[in-house]
Amino acid sequence: MIRVNYFARYRELLGSDGEDLAWTPALATLQGLRQLLVARGEPWARTLGQANLMCARNQDLCSLDEPLADGDDVAFFPPVTGG
């Protein structure tokens, strides 16, 4: 099982703070997970299809080529800015 968390604006746009998905070989990377979610259509495609998407695996920032394993905790969130 992979726990997927949505934060900040993504939580609002998707109407969910997260979900659990069964791990499969198609979810071997964060990019595979992203593609699965984007394939759901709107609002997933608009929200998670953005080029500047930020993500984390097990609370560590990472890129979309990060490998996933059963039991991982994943987070998607919009880019943050400082002031």
Protein backbone atom coordinates (compact mmCIF):
# COMPACT_ATOMS: atom_id res chain seq x y z
CA MET A 1 0.00 0.00 0.00
CA ILE A 2 1.19 3.52 -0.79
CA ARG A 3 -0.16 6.47 1.17
CA VAL A 4 -0.61 9.52 -1.08
CA ASN A 5 -1.03 12.91 0.61
CA TYR A 6 -2.18 16.14 -1.04
CA PHE A 7 -1.22 19.43 0.58
CA ALA A 8 -2.13 23.12 0.39
CA ARG A 9 -3.93 24.15 -2.80
CA TYR A 10 -3.80 20.59 -4.16
CA ARG A 11 -5.92 19.39 -1.24
CA GLU A 12 -8.53 22.02 -2.07
CA LEU A 13 -8.51 21.38 -5.82
CA LEU A 14 -8.77 17.60 -5.45
CA GLY A 15 -11.22 17.70 -2.54
CA SER A 16 -9.12 15.21 -0.60
CA ASP A 17 -6.21 15.25 1.80
CA GLY A 18 -5.01 11.87 0.56
CA GLU A 19 -5.69 8.24 -0.24
CA ASP A 20 -4.21 4.78 -0.04
CA LEU A 21 -3.35 2.94 -3.25
CA ALA A 22 -2.28 -0.66 -3.67
CA TRP A 23 1.33 -0.82 -4.87
CA THR A 24 1.78 -2.35 -8.32
CA PRO A 25 4.76 -2.45 -10.71
CA ALA A 26 3.17 0.49 -12.58
CA LEU A 27 3.88 2.52 -9.43
CA ALA A 28 7.60 1.74 -9.40
CA THR A 29 8.43 5.48 -9.46
CA LEU A 30 6.76 8.71 -8.45
CA GLN A 31 6.35 9.47 -12.15
CA GLY A 32 4.36 6.24 -12.57
CA LEU A 33 2.13 7.23 -9.67
CA ARG A 34 1.68 10.71 -11.09
CA GLN A 35 0.74 9.28 -14.51
CA LEU A 36 -1.85 7.00 -12.92
CA LEU A 37 -3.44 9.92 -11.07
CA VAL A 38 -3.34 12.29 -14.07
CA ALA A 39 -5.06 9.62 -16.19
CA ARG A 40 -8.15 10.04 -13.97
CA GLY A 41 -8.91 13.26 -15.88
CA GLU A 42 -9.97 16.54 -14.33
CA PRO A 43 -9.19 17.90 -11.79
CA TRP A 44 -6.29 15.44 -11.43
CA ALA A 45 -4.75 16.22 -14.82
CA ARG A 46 -4.83 19.98 -14.26
CA THR A 47 -3.53 19.77 -10.70
CA LEU A 48 -0.87 17.03 -10.80
CA GLY A 49 0.07 17.53 -14.45
CA GLN A 50 1.82 20.82 -13.71
CA ALA A 51 5.52 21.04 -14.58
CA ASN A 52 6.43 22.65 -11.27
CA LEU A 53 4.90 19.95 -9.07
CA MET A 54 6.80 19.24 -5.86
CA CYS A 55 6.88 15.84 -4.22
CA ALA A 56 8.31 13.93 -1.30
CA ARG A 57 8.81 10.27 -0.48
CA ASN A 58 8.83 9.29 3.19
CA GLN A 59 9.08 12.99 4.13
CA ASP A 60 12.17 13.68 1.98
CA LEU A 61 11.90 16.00 -1.03
CA CYS A 62 12.63 14.10 -4.23
CA SER A 63 12.19 14.09 -7.99
CA LEU A 64 9.65 12.20 -10.04
CA ASP A 65 12.19 9.50 -10.92
CA GLU A 66 12.35 8.46 -7.23
CA PRO A 67 11.60 4.73 -6.85
CA LEU A 68 8.57 3.69 -4.81
CA ALA A 69 8.08 0.62 -2.67
CA ASP A 70 5.16 -0.90 -0.86
CA GLY A 71 4.62 1.00 2.41
CA ASP A 72 5.94 4.35 1.17
CA ASP A 73 4.36 7.66 2.11
CA VAL A 74 4.16 10.14 -0.78
CA ALA A 75 3.25 13.83 -0.77
CA PHE A 76 2.37 16.14 -3.63
CA PHE A 77 2.30 19.89 -3.05
CA PRO A 78 2.57 23.12 -5.01
CA PRO A 79 5.83 25.03 -5.16
CA VAL A 80 6.44 27.28 -2.18
CA THR A 81 7.91 30.75 -2.17
CA GLY A 82 9.62 32.65 0.53
CA GLY A 83 9.63 36.30 1.31
